[in-house]
Amino acid sequence: MESPFVEVAKAEEILPGKFIRVEVAQKPYIIARVDDRFYAVEDNCSHEDYPLSYGCLDGNRIKCSLHGSRFSLETGAPEDEPADEPIRTYRLELCEGRLWLDPRSGISG
């Protein structure tokens, strides 16, 4: 059986407290690093169809620059209004300094 994981970045490319935007099969994702943990979430705010990659990290949350909603990078759950729906999170594995995303694993918080 073929692995669902796709290589998306080298871990060293993402500094702590930062994120990058990647595309897999023409779908955008955010790969974020908080300290030494990595997270993968969809690049779309659940409140408005707006890229979260225009925003910034706030601890272990990503903040939408349009209306200020913050979402947990771990669960995808919204932590501020006006968003009331979670964003999708994805399995991400670190192997030999490379980050691998499973685009089929999307889970809504």
C-alpha atoms as a PDB file:
ATOM      1  CA  MET A   1       0.000   0.000   0.000  1.00  0.00           C
ATOM      2  CA  GLU A   2       1.269   3.450  -0.908  1.00  0.00           C
ATOM      3  CA  SER A   3       1.986   5.954   1.883  1.00  0.00           C
ATOM      4  CA  PRO A   4      -0.352   8.969   2.010  1.00  0.00           C
ATOM      5  CA  PHE A   5       2.455  11.231   3.288  1.00  0.00           C
ATOM      6  CA  VAL A   6       3.959  13.936   1.069  1.00  0.00           C
ATOM      7  CA  GLU A   7       7.189  15.752   1.866  1.00  0.00           C
ATOM      8  CA  VAL A   8       6.410  19.454   2.371  1.00  0.00           C
ATOM      9  CA  ALA A   9       9.478  21.068   3.950  1.00  0.00           C
ATOM     10  CA  LYS A  10      12.733  20.695   5.800  1.00  0.00           C
ATOM     11  CA  ALA A  11      12.311  21.328   9.523  1.00  0.00           C
ATOM     12  CA  GLU A  12      15.215  23.785   9.525  1.00  0.00           C
ATOM     13  CA  GLU A  13      13.318  26.023   7.062  1.00  0.00           C
ATOM     14  CA  ILE A  14      10.734  26.922   9.716  1.00  0.00           C
ATOM     15  CA  LEU A  15      11.977  28.946  12.654  1.00  0.00           C
ATOM     16  CA  PRO A  16      10.246  28.631  16.053  1.00  0.00           C
ATOM     17  CA  GLY A  17       7.203  30.923  16.191  1.00  0.00           C
ATOM     18  CA  LYS A  18       6.891  31.012  12.392  1.00  0.00           C
ATOM     19  CA  PHE A  19       5.000  29.170   9.669  1.00  0.00           C
ATOM     20  CA  ILE A  20       5.143  28.551   5.948  1.00  0.00           C
ATOM     21  CA  ARG A  21       2.414  28.039   3.370  1.00  0.00           C
ATOM     22  CA  VAL A  22       2.651  24.965   1.161  1.00  0.00           C
ATOM     23  CA  GLU A  23       0.447  23.454  -1.526  1.00  0.00           C
ATOM     24  CA  VAL A  24      -0.224  19.772  -2.044  1.00  0.00           C
ATOM     25  CA  ALA A  25      -2.363  18.821  -5.037  1.00  0.00           C
ATOM     26  CA  GLN A  26      -3.344  22.510  -5.422  1.00  0.00           C
ATOM     27  CA  LYS A  27      -4.660  22.727  -1.851  1.00  0.00           C
ATOM     28  CA  PRO A  28      -3.020  25.208   0.574  1.00  0.00           C
ATOM     29  CA  TYR A  29      -1.778  24.229   4.039  1.00  0.00           C
ATOM     30  CA  ILE A  30       0.047  25.983   6.839  1.00  0.00           C
ATOM     31  CA  ILE A  31       3.016  24.255   8.458  1.00  0.00           C
ATOM     32  CA  ALA A  32       3.749  25.978  11.769  1.00  0.00           C
ATOM     33  CA  ARG A  33       6.455  25.573  14.373  1.00  0.00           C
ATOM     34  CA  VAL A  34       5.941  26.373  18.041  1.00  0.00           C
ATOM     35  CA  ASP A  35       9.160  25.735  19.963  1.00  0.00           C
ATOM     36  CA  ASP A  36      10.130  22.271  18.693  1.00  0.00           C
ATOM     37  CA  ARG A  37       6.613  21.100  17.749  1.00  0.00           C
ATOM     38  CA  PHE A  38       5.261  21.219  14.225  1.00  0.00           C
ATOM     39  CA  TYR A  39       1.614  21.542  13.195  1.00  0.00           C
ATOM     40  CA  ALA A  40      -0.307  21.362   9.929  1.00  0.00           C
ATOM     41  CA  VAL A  41      -3.652  23.094   9.377  1.00  0.00           C
ATOM     42  CA  GLU A  42      -5.709  24.172   6.395  1.00  0.00           C
ATOM     43  CA  ASP A  43      -4.982  27.651   5.088  1.00  0.00           C
ATOM     44  CA  ASN A  44      -8.551  28.890   5.288  1.00  0.00           C
ATOM     45  CA  CYS A  45     -10.508  30.681   8.001  1.00  0.00           C
ATOM     46  CA  SER A  46     -13.779  28.939   8.835  1.00  0.00           C
ATOM     47  CA  HIS A  47     -15.556  32.264   9.367  1.00  0.00           C
ATOM     48  CA  GLU A  48     -14.770  33.814   5.986  1.00  0.00           C
ATOM     49  CA  ASP A  49     -13.197  32.206   2.969  1.00  0.00           C
ATOM     50  CA  TYR A  50      -9.904  33.974   3.722  1.00  0.00           C
ATOM     51  CA  PRO A  51      -6.313  32.666   3.912  1.00  0.00           C
ATOM     52  CA  LEU A  52      -5.013  32.222   7.443  1.00  0.00           C
ATOM     53  CA  SER A  53      -1.507  32.582   5.998  1.00  0.00           C
ATOM     54  CA  TYR A  54      -2.182  36.355   5.858  1.00  0.00           C
ATOM     55  CA  GLY A  55      -2.279  36.260   9.666  1.00  0.00           C
ATOM     56  CA  CYS A  56       0.260  35.439  12.345  1.00  0.00           C
ATOM     57  CA  LEU A  57       1.025  32.970  15.097  1.00  0.00           C
ATOM     58  CA  ASP A  58      -0.004  33.788  18.652  1.00  0.00           C
ATOM     59  CA  GLY A  59       1.584  31.099  20.804  1.00  0.00           C
ATOM     60  CA  ASN A  60       0.065  27.790  19.706  1.00  0.00           C
ATOM     61  CA  ARG A  61      -2.723  29.541  17.782  1.00  0.00           C
ATOM     62  CA  ILE A  62      -2.980  31.064  14.344  1.00  0.00           C
ATOM     63  CA  LYS A  63      -4.755  34.393  14.077  1.00  0.00           C
ATOM     64  CA  CYS A  64      -6.836  35.418  11.078  1.00  0.00           C
ATOM     65  CA  SER A  65      -5.926  38.928   9.967  1.00  0.00           C
ATOM     66  CA  LEU A  66      -9.421  39.651   8.630  1.00  0.00           C
ATOM     67  CA  HIS A  67     -11.521  39.564  11.817  1.00  0.00           C
ATOM     68  CA  GLY A  68      -9.049  38.476  14.506  1.00  0.00           C
ATOM     69  CA  SER A  69     -10.321  34.957  15.225  1.00  0.00           C
ATOM     70  CA  ARG A  70      -7.650  32.628  16.592  1.00  0.00           C
ATOM     71  CA  PHE A  71      -7.582  28.867  16.054  1.00  0.00           C
ATOM     72  CA  SER A  72      -5.747  26.183  18.002  1.00  0.00           C
ATOM     73  CA  LEU A  73      -2.957  24.663  15.917  1.00  0.00           C
ATOM     74  CA  GLU A  74      -3.394  21.412  17.830  1.00  0.00           C
ATOM     75  CA  THR A  75      -7.161  20.900  17.533  1.00  0.00           C
ATOM     76  CA  GLY A  76      -8.327  23.478  14.976  1.00  0.00           C
ATOM     77  CA  ALA A  77     -10.908  24.779  17.457  1.00  0.00           C
ATOM     78  CA  PRO A  78     -11.796  28.486  17.259  1.00  0.00           C
ATOM     79  CA  GLU A  79     -10.840  30.437  20.362  1.00  0.00           C
ATOM     80  CA  ASP A  80     -12.289  33.834  19.482  1.00  0.00           C
ATOM     81  CA  GLU A  81     -15.377  35.165  17.758  1.00  0.00           C
ATOM     82  CA  PRO A  82     -16.553  35.712  15.139  1.00  0.00           C
ATOM     83  CA  ALA A  83     -15.374  32.221  14.063  1.00  0.00           C
ATOM     84  CA  ASP A  84     -17.454  29.427  15.558  1.00  0.00           C
ATOM     85  CA  GLU A  85     -16.429  26.496  13.331  1.00  0.00           C
ATOM     86  CA  PRO A  86     -13.079  24.673  13.599  1.00  0.00           C
ATOM     87  CA  ILE A  87     -10.458  24.494  10.883  1.00  0.00           C
ATOM     88  CA  ARG A  88      -9.005  21.185   9.716  1.00  0.00           C
ATOM     89  CA  THR A  89      -5.787  19.859  11.217  1.00  0.00           C
ATOM     90  CA  TYR A  90      -3.549  17.300   9.532  1.00  0.00           C
ATOM     91  CA  ARG A  91      -1.087  14.609  10.530  1.00  0.00           C
ATOM     92  CA  LEU A  92       2.480  15.756  10.183  1.00  0.00           C
ATOM     93  CA  GLU A  93       5.552  13.600  10.730  1.00  0.00           C
ATOM     94  CA  LEU A  94       9.169  14.580  11.185  1.00  0.00           C
ATOM     95  CA  CYS A  95      11.676  12.093   9.791  1.00  0.00           C
ATOM     96  CA  GLU A  96      15.382  12.790   9.340  1.00  0.00           C
ATOM     97  CA  GLY A  97      14.838  16.548   9.373  1.00  0.00           C
ATOM     98  CA  ARG A  98      12.038  16.486   6.807  1.00  0.00           C
ATOM     99  CA  LEU A  99       8.354  17.201   7.377  1.00  0.00           C
ATOM    100  CA  TRP A 100       5.763  14.892   5.837  1.00  0.00           C
ATOM    101  CA  LEU A 101       2.047  15.771   5.582  1.00  0.00           C
ATOM    102  CA  ASP A 102      -0.852  13.368   5.258  1.00  0.00           C
ATOM    103  CA  PRO A 103      -3.368  15.413   3.210  1.00  0.00           C
ATOM    104  CA  ARG A 104      -6.048  12.747   3.679  1.00  0.00           C
ATOM    105  CA  SER A 105      -6.039  13.078   7.472  1.00  0.00           C
ATOM    106  CA  GLY A 106      -8.005  16.338   7.808  1.00  0.00           C
ATOM    107  CA  ILE A 107      -9.826  16.449  11.139  1.00  0.00           C
ATOM    108  CA  SER A 108     -12.055  19.314  12.279  1.00  0.00           C
ATOM    109  CA  GLY A 109     -11.498  20.225  15.929  1.00  0.00           C
END
